[in-house]
Protein backbone atom coordinates (compact mmCIF):
# COMPACT_ATOMS: atom_id res chain seq x y z
CA UNK A 1 194.93 74.90 -180.46
CA UNK A 2 194.34 78.89 -179.77
CA UNK A 3 191.49 79.29 -182.44
CA UNK A 4 189.38 76.34 -181.01
CA UNK A 5 189.34 77.78 -177.14
CA UNK A 6 188.09 81.57 -178.56
CA UNK A 7 185.30 79.25 -180.53
CA UNK A 8 184.15 78.38 -177.43
CA UNK A 9 184.41 81.08 -175.99
CA UNK A 10 182.19 83.03 -178.38
CA UNK A 11 179.65 80.23 -178.44
CA UNK A 12 178.98 80.15 -175.15
CA UNK A 13 178.53 84.20 -175.25
CA UNK A 14 176.31 83.64 -178.18
CA UNK A 15 173.89 81.44 -176.18
CA UNK A 16 174.08 83.21 -172.97
CA UNK A 17 172.67 86.25 -174.70
CA UNK A 18 170.22 84.27 -176.44
CA UNK A 19 169.22 82.88 -172.97
CA UNK A 20 169.39 86.18 -171.45
CA UNK A 21 166.97 87.91 -173.83
CA UNK A 22 164.21 85.03 -173.87
CA UNK A 23 163.46 85.54 -170.05
CA UNK A 24 160.72 86.94 -169.18
CA UNK A 25 161.00 90.09 -166.93
CA UNK A 26 163.89 91.18 -168.68
CA UNK A 27 165.59 94.11 -166.42
CA UNK A 28 166.68 95.61 -169.34
CA UNK A 29 162.94 95.59 -170.81
CA UNK A 30 160.76 95.52 -167.24
CA UNK A 31 156.88 96.21 -168.31
CA UNK A 32 155.27 99.65 -168.23
CA UNK A 33 151.95 98.96 -166.52
CA UNK A 34 149.79 96.58 -165.70
CA UNK A 35 148.69 94.71 -168.94
CA UNK A 36 152.41 93.95 -169.86
CA UNK A 37 152.49 91.68 -166.43
CA UNK A 38 152.22 88.03 -166.81
CA UNK A 39 150.69 86.15 -163.90
CA UNK A 40 150.44 82.51 -163.64
CA UNK A 41 146.22 82.15 -163.87
CA UNK A 42 146.74 79.09 -160.81
CA UNK A 43 147.39 82.37 -158.59
CA UNK A 44 145.62 82.87 -155.85
CA UNK A 45 145.45 86.25 -154.73
CA UNK A 46 143.00 85.12 -151.29
CA UNK A 47 144.95 87.02 -147.98
CA UNK A 48 142.44 85.20 -145.57
CA UNK A 49 139.86 82.71 -145.00
CA UNK A 50 136.93 81.85 -143.18
CA UNK A 51 137.56 79.05 -140.75
CA UNK A 52 134.49 77.13 -138.74
CA UNK A 53 136.22 76.21 -135.48
CA UNK A 54 134.02 73.53 -133.82
CA UNK A 55 135.29 73.06 -130.37
CA UNK A 56 134.72 69.99 -127.96
CA UNK A 57 135.20 69.48 -124.11
CA UNK A 58 135.07 73.08 -123.88
CA UNK A 59 134.57 74.74 -120.64
CA UNK A 60 132.14 77.28 -119.45
CA UNK A 61 134.22 80.24 -119.65
CA UNK A 62 136.34 81.89 -121.99
CA UNK A 63 137.52 81.08 -125.78
CA UNK A 64 140.44 82.31 -127.08
CA UNK A 65 141.60 81.32 -130.63
CA UNK A 66 145.24 83.04 -130.88
CA UNK A 67 148.14 83.37 -133.20
CA UNK A 68 150.31 80.69 -132.69
CA UNK A 69 153.33 82.31 -131.11
CA UNK A 70 149.89 83.92 -129.02
CA UNK A 71 150.68 87.51 -129.54
CA UNK A 72 147.59 87.62 -132.28
CA UNK A 73 144.20 87.17 -131.27
CA UNK A 74 141.72 86.18 -134.00
CA UNK A 75 138.43 85.35 -131.47
CA UNK A 76 137.62 85.92 -127.84
CA UNK A 77 134.06 84.61 -126.44
CA UNK A 78 132.42 83.38 -123.72
CA UNK A 79 130.68 79.99 -123.52
CA UNK A 80 127.79 79.32 -121.22
CA UNK A 81 127.66 75.24 -121.80
CA UNK A 82 123.63 75.56 -123.71
CA UNK A 83 124.98 73.53 -126.42
CA UNK A 84 126.86 70.52 -126.65
CA UNK A 85 130.12 72.01 -128.76
CA UNK A 86 131.18 76.20 -129.32
CA UNK A 87 131.42 76.75 -132.28
CA UNK A 88 132.55 79.68 -134.42
CA UNK A 89 133.78 81.13 -137.79
CA UNK A 90 136.89 82.86 -137.45
CA UNK A 91 138.61 84.82 -140.66
CA UNK A 92 142.31 83.39 -140.60
CA UNK A 93 145.11 85.30 -142.79
CA UNK A 94 145.01 82.59 -145.69
CA UNK A 95 148.36 80.39 -145.13
CA UNK A 96 148.30 80.25 -141.89
CA UNK A 97 148.88 76.87 -140.76
CA UNK A 98 148.36 77.07 -136.98
CA UNK A 99 146.59 78.22 -134.42
CA UNK A 100 146.35 77.91 -130.44
CA UNK A 101 143.00 77.34 -128.90
CA UNK A 102 143.41 78.37 -125.26
CA UNK A 103 146.83 77.88 -125.73
CA UNK A 104 146.55 73.99 -127.57
CA UNK A 105 148.51 73.83 -130.23
CA UNK A 106 145.97 72.82 -133.27
CA UNK A 107 146.22 72.59 -136.84
CA UNK A 108 144.83 74.74 -139.86
CA UNK A 109 144.52 71.85 -142.61
CA UNK A 110 141.36 73.28 -144.30
CA UNK A 111 138.44 75.35 -143.66
CA UNK A 112 136.96 73.43 -141.20
CA UNK A 113 138.82 72.68 -137.71
CA UNK A 114 136.81 70.05 -135.33
CA UNK A 115 139.38 70.03 -132.03
CA UNK A 116 138.75 68.24 -128.25
CA UNK A 117 140.52 70.49 -125.76
CA UNK A 118 142.37 68.18 -123.49
CA UNK A 119 142.77 70.59 -120.39
CA UNK A 120 139.15 72.60 -120.37
CA UNK A 121 140.69 74.51 -117.44
CA UNK A 122 143.88 76.53 -119.43
CA UNK A 123 143.72 79.90 -119.87
CA UNK A 124 139.55 80.10 -118.47
CA UNK A 125 137.43 81.52 -116.12
CA UNK A 126 133.91 79.31 -114.82
CA UNK A 127 131.36 82.02 -114.07
CA UNK A 128 130.77 80.17 -110.35
CA UNK A 129 128.64 82.44 -109.29
CA UNK A 130 126.13 81.68 -106.18
CA UNK A 131 123.34 83.27 -104.66
CA UNK A 132 124.30 83.02 -101.41
CA UNK A 133 126.36 81.52 -98.43
CA UNK A 134 126.90 80.96 -94.78
CA UNK A 135 128.15 84.32 -93.61
CA UNK A 136 130.12 84.10 -89.54
CA UNK A 137 130.45 86.42 -86.71
CA UNK A 138 133.30 85.99 -85.60
CA UNK A 139 132.55 84.82 -81.82
CA UNK A 140 130.33 82.32 -81.51
CA UNK A 141 129.42 81.15 -85.11
CA UNK A 142 129.88 77.75 -85.73
CA UNK A 143 128.29 74.34 -87.76
CA UNK A 144 129.29 70.90 -86.48
CA UNK A 145 128.74 67.99 -88.88
CA UNK A 146 129.10 64.68 -86.63
CA UNK A 147 129.91 61.34 -88.52
CA UNK A 148 133.21 60.04 -89.20
CA UNK A 149 134.12 60.91 -92.58
CA UNK A 150 137.80 60.42 -92.71
CA UNK A 151 139.65 57.46 -91.04
CA UNK A 152 142.62 57.44 -92.43
CA UNK A 153 145.51 59.34 -94.82
CA UNK A 154 145.51 60.68 -97.78
CA UNK A 155 142.09 62.88 -97.82
CA UNK A 156 141.74 66.31 -99.05
CA UNK A 157 139.71 69.45 -97.82
CA UNK A 158 139.06 72.93 -99.45
CA UNK A 159 136.45 75.52 -99.26
CA UNK A 160 136.22 78.87 -101.28
CA UNK A 161 135.53 82.28 -97.99
CA UNK A 162 135.67 85.46 -98.13
CA UNK A 163 137.06 88.02 -94.63
CA UNK A 164 137.77 91.08 -94.18
CA UNK A 165 139.70 90.24 -91.26
CA UNK A 166 139.66 89.09 -87.78
CA UNK A 167 137.34 89.62 -85.19
CA UNK A 168 140.45 89.56 -82.43
CA UNK A 169 143.44 90.13 -83.64
CA UNK A 170 144.94 87.68 -81.55
CA UNK A 171 143.10 84.85 -82.24
CA UNK A 172 143.20 82.97 -85.57
CA UNK A 173 140.12 81.91 -87.69
CA UNK A 174 139.42 78.53 -88.75
CA UNK A 175 137.60 78.00 -91.49
CA UNK A 176 137.41 73.49 -91.35
CA UNK A 177 138.28 71.07 -89.06
CA UNK A 178 138.58 68.09 -89.01
CA UNK A 179 138.65 66.29 -84.85
CA UNK A 180 138.09 63.89 -81.99
CA UNK A 181 135.87 66.57 -79.38
CA UNK A 182 136.94 64.93 -77.03
CA UNK A 183 140.83 65.89 -76.77
CA UNK A 184 142.32 69.18 -77.64
CA UNK A 185 145.47 67.41 -79.48
CA UNK A 186 143.59 65.68 -82.09
CA UNK A 187 143.18 67.57 -85.05
CA UNK A 188 143.19 68.74 -88.81
CA UNK A 189 142.35 71.63 -90.48
CA UNK A 190 142.71 75.20 -92.70
CA UNK A 191 143.12 78.31 -90.99
CA UNK A 192 143.76 81.93 -91.24
CA UNK A 193 146.13 83.19 -88.74
CA UNK A 194 146.41 86.29 -87.02
CA UNK A 195 150.29 86.03 -86.39
CA UNK A 196 150.73 85.24 -90.03
CA UNK A 197 148.89 88.35 -90.94
CA UNK A 198 146.06 86.82 -92.83
CA UNK A 199 147.48 84.06 -94.62
CA UNK A 200 146.52 80.58 -94.70
CA UNK A 201 147.85 78.05 -92.39
CA UNK A 202 147.57 74.03 -92.92
CA UNK A 203 147.68 72.05 -89.44
CA UNK A 204 147.88 68.73 -88.38
CA UNK A 205 147.68 67.64 -85.14
CA UNK A 206 147.97 64.52 -83.20
CA UNK A 207 149.82 65.05 -79.73
CA UNK A 208 152.19 66.99 -82.35
CA UNK A 209 151.76 69.20 -84.19
CA UNK A 210 153.05 69.85 -88.14
CA UNK A 211 151.64 73.21 -89.42
CA UNK A 212 152.32 74.55 -93.28
CA UNK A 213 151.79 78.29 -93.80
CA UNK A 214 150.90 80.02 -97.12
CA UNK A 215 152.39 82.87 -99.15
CA UNK A 216 149.09 85.14 -99.92
CA UNK A 217 147.34 87.38 -97.40
CA UNK A 218 143.45 86.46 -97.80
CA UNK A 219 142.32 89.43 -95.15
CA UNK A 220 141.41 91.34 -98.34
CA UNK A 221 137.83 91.37 -98.66
CA UNK A 222 138.06 89.01 -102.05
CA UNK A 223 136.59 85.52 -102.66
CA UNK A 224 139.01 82.93 -102.67
CA UNK A 225 139.81 79.41 -102.32
CA UNK A 226 141.84 77.06 -100.22
CA UNK A 227 142.76 73.86 -100.31
CA UNK A 228 144.55 71.45 -97.81
CA UNK A 229 146.38 67.90 -99.56
CA UNK A 230 146.82 64.75 -96.42
CA UNK A 231 148.07 62.32 -99.04
CA UNK A 232 150.46 60.94 -96.44
CA UNK A 233 151.71 60.35 -92.88
CA UNK A 234 154.92 62.53 -93.99
CA UNK A 235 152.79 64.47 -97.16
CA UNK A 236 151.19 67.45 -96.51
CA UNK A 237 150.53 70.88 -98.91
CA UNK A 238 148.80 73.93 -98.72
CA UNK A 239 146.96 75.55 -101.99
CA UNK A 240 145.18 78.85 -102.20
CA UNK A 241 143.56 79.73 -105.45
CA UNK A 242 144.44 76.97 -107.47
CA UNK A 243 148.06 77.46 -106.47
CA UNK A 244 150.77 75.46 -104.42
CA UNK A 245 152.15 78.23 -101.26
CA UNK A 246 153.76 75.42 -99.01
CA UNK A 247 154.34 71.29 -98.41
CA UNK A 248 156.01 69.68 -95.13
CA UNK A 249 157.27 66.26 -94.71
CA UNK A 250 157.68 65.57 -91.64
CA UNK A 251 156.06 62.18 -90.51
CA UNK A 252 152.86 62.15 -88.47
CA UNK A 253 150.39 59.16 -87.85
CA UNK A 254 147.05 59.65 -88.32
CA UNK A 255 144.85 60.15 -85.18
CA UNK A 256 141.79 57.66 -83.95
CA UNK A 257 138.31 59.06 -83.16
CA UNK A 258 138.56 62.20 -86.00
CA UNK A 259 134.16 62.21 -86.13
CA UNK A 260 133.67 65.93 -86.10
CA UNK A 261 133.78 67.93 -89.12
CA UNK A 262 133.25 72.10 -88.12
CA UNK A 263 133.05 74.53 -90.73
CA UNK A 264 134.19 78.37 -88.53
CA UNK A 265 136.58 76.74 -85.29
CA UNK A 266 138.66 74.37 -84.60
CA UNK A 267 136.30 71.58 -83.55
CA UNK A 268 138.50 69.90 -80.50
CA UNK A 269 137.36 69.63 -76.61
CA UNK A 270 138.46 73.38 -76.14
CA UNK A 271 136.98 75.06 -79.01
CA UNK A 272 138.59 78.70 -79.81
CA UNK A 273 139.27 80.67 -83.04
CA UNK A 274 135.65 81.36 -84.80
CA UNK A 275 135.74 82.84 -88.34
CA UNK A 276 134.40 86.37 -89.47
CA UNK A 277 133.30 86.58 -92.90
CA UNK A 278 131.56 84.16 -95.76
CA UNK A 279 132.53 80.11 -96.02
CA UNK A 280 130.77 78.46 -99.31
CA UNK A 281 132.16 75.42 -101.55
CA UNK A 282 133.08 72.71 -99.33
CA UNK A 283 134.38 69.80 -100.34
CA UNK A 284 135.81 66.69 -98.60
CA UNK A 285 137.80 63.93 -100.52
CA UNK A 286 138.60 60.54 -99.31
CA UNK A 287 141.91 61.02 -101.36
CA UNK A 288 144.72 62.86 -102.39
CA UNK A 289 143.76 65.50 -105.08
CA UNK A 290 146.68 66.42 -107.51
CA UNK A 291 147.68 69.58 -109.07
CA UNK A 292 145.88 69.53 -111.98
CA UNK A 293 142.10 68.10 -110.17
CA UNK A 294 143.45 71.56 -107.64
CA UNK A 295 143.50 73.35 -111.23
CA UNK A 296 140.26 72.34 -112.39
CA UNK A 297 138.07 72.93 -109.34
CA UNK A 298 138.96 75.76 -109.26
CA UNK A 299 137.20 77.84 -112.15
CA UNK A 300 134.84 74.89 -112.10
CA UNK A 301 132.20 73.10 -109.25
CA UNK A 302 132.35 69.12 -108.73
CA UNK A 303 128.72 67.60 -110.11
CA UNK A 304 128.92 65.72 -106.68
CA UNK A 305 129.15 62.28 -108.47
CA UNK A 306 133.25 62.43 -108.48
CA UNK A 307 135.12 59.11 -107.03
CA UNK A 308 135.40 59.46 -103.57
CA UNK A 309 134.14 62.49 -102.85
CA UNK A 310 132.93 61.86 -99.17
CA UNK A 311 131.07 65.52 -98.64
CA UNK A 312 130.01 68.68 -100.85
CA UNK A 313 127.98 71.14 -98.77
CA UNK A 314 127.62 74.19 -102.02
CA UNK A 315 125.93 75.98 -98.82
CA UNK A 316 124.05 78.58 -100.88
CA UNK A 317 120.37 77.95 -100.01
CA UNK A 318 119.52 81.18 -98.55
CA UNK A 319 117.47 79.09 -96.12
CA UNK A 320 117.34 76.50 -93.24
CA UNK A 321 118.87 76.05 -90.09
CA UNK A 322 120.70 72.70 -91.31
CA UNK A 323 122.73 72.36 -94.74
CA UNK A 324 122.43 70.11 -98.19
CA UNK A 325 125.24 67.12 -98.84
CA UNK A 326 125.06 67.59 -103.04
CA UNK A 327 126.59 63.80 -102.38
CA UNK A 328 123.68 62.34 -100.46
CA UNK A 329 121.13 65.15 -100.90
CA UNK A 330 120.46 64.89 -97.18
CA UNK A 331 120.54 68.14 -94.12
CA UNK A 332 123.83 67.49 -92.36
CA UNK A 333 124.50 70.07 -89.06
CA UNK A 334 123.68 72.38 -87.75
CA UNK A 335 124.14 76.45 -87.79
CA UNK A 336 125.12 77.50 -83.94
CA UNK A 337 125.52 80.75 -82.49
CA UNK A 338 125.23 83.82 -84.61
CA UNK A 339 125.69 81.91 -88.54
CA UNK A 340 123.50 83.55 -91.20
CA UNK A 341 122.95 82.93 -94.85
CA UNK A 342 124.19 86.06 -96.90
CA UNK A 343 122.99 87.41 -100.15
CA UNK A 344 126.51 87.53 -101.10
CA UNK A 345 128.04 83.92 -102.91
CA UNK A 346 130.89 83.73 -105.06
CA UNK A 347 130.64 85.54 -108.63
CA UNK A 348 128.35 88.28 -106.96
CA UNK A 349 129.37 91.85 -105.82
CA UNK A 350 132.87 91.82 -107.23
CA UNK A 351 133.42 88.37 -109.07
CA UNK A 352 135.18 85.18 -108.20
CA UNK A 353 138.14 86.84 -107.21
CA UNK A 354 140.64 85.94 -108.98
CA UNK A 355 144.19 87.57 -107.59
CA UNK A 356 143.25 91.03 -107.33
CA UNK A 357 141.39 91.60 -110.25
CA UNK A 358 137.93 93.72 -109.91
CA UNK A 359 134.64 92.84 -111.06
CA UNK A 360 133.57 96.79 -111.57
CA UNK A 361 130.33 96.37 -113.07
CA UNK A 362 129.14 93.26 -111.30
CA UNK A 363 128.15 91.24 -113.71
CA UNK A 364 130.58 87.64 -112.19
CA UNK A 365 132.85 88.70 -114.90
CA UNK A 366 136.24 90.48 -114.12
CA UNK A 367 137.86 93.71 -115.71
CA UNK A 368 140.04 91.69 -116.89
CA UNK A 369 138.00 89.72 -119.23
CA UNK A 370 135.74 92.00 -119.69
CA UNK A 371 134.88 94.48 -122.36
CA UNK A 372 133.85 96.96 -119.37
CA UNK A 373 134.54 99.92 -118.88
CA UNK A 374 134.91 100.38 -122.70
CA UNK A 375 131.02 99.08 -123.31
CA UNK A 376 129.35 98.11 -120.21
CA UNK A 377 126.25 96.81 -121.76
CA UNK A 378 128.53 93.85 -123.56
CA UNK A 379 130.82 91.27 -121.74
CA UNK A 380 132.76 89.80 -124.36
CA UNK A 381 134.02 90.74 -128.21
CA UNK A 382 132.09 87.94 -129.15
CA UNK A 383 129.31 85.83 -126.98
CA UNK A 384 128.17 82.13 -128.02
CA UNK A 385 125.40 81.15 -128.49
CA UNK A 386 123.70 83.88 -128.42
CA UNK A 387 120.53 84.63 -126.05
CA UNK A 388 119.20 87.96 -127.21
């Protein structure tokens, strides 16, 4: 029996040694040169691949193509909207399975990727450049549009403004007012509070008064967008530069006879609180805009054909004594007191005023998205399509 076990053990050792000797790459006999290495004829030596991207629903603005973890940028370009889609060839690591386009995860399954952006506003900044705006002197300047636009909840009001401070440190500055001009206690509006150190405020008044207060100081000489949403008797929200800053749930019924829209001061029977600075891009909506829509409108202008857009005043005509409503193309309102046209508009003389960004070279592109000052002759790593 012992001899039988010895025989079995011996056979195992012999077979194992024989198999080891036939394995390619025996560590006891390694190749001594490249010529002796055996490489499969199917081995793919490529380390990178040119991938063609066709990006649909691209917003006018910056397009970023990054790694999935967004730590590596493979392409950064600017789309100017002159072609239907954004097209670019990007060299990617060969075995990369996914990328992100403006933060959206996209599979790379071949050397051609066709993708429709789901959220065209994400991580993009449209150049909202315009040639002019209305300039208010802070003492007697205002614009009245004498007609009923809003007669019930919900509604939304919005504007772009630029101011460097108050004419009177004890008096607020009104941007937009909707009021009953025969009463002194029936109005809605957005203003910059003197007692709030230059922060935006949203007010609703029908006898009693409800006011909410923002957090960002707006008297910094930069462009800012302010938006007030009145959803119902007890839901009001204030947004600054596309971000929700305050909300309120206290009940206030809608007053009757709100039939005057005023820019630059309160429009009630005792008007005051004159605005000093620039106003542009005023929107009045007959519905409550949601966060996604407000974010989009921070980086994109309305077309004038949106549902329930009651009035849209670009305020960039540069001349004339009235303003144009882009919704119906009519002239409305009168420029009163010290209102004048200014050659400075959004995107001129300092970018579009996003946060504390600056546009040092004045090309309408904030420094954070500009190659300046490293290359003053170009704005982006890539610019598509080329315009010469």
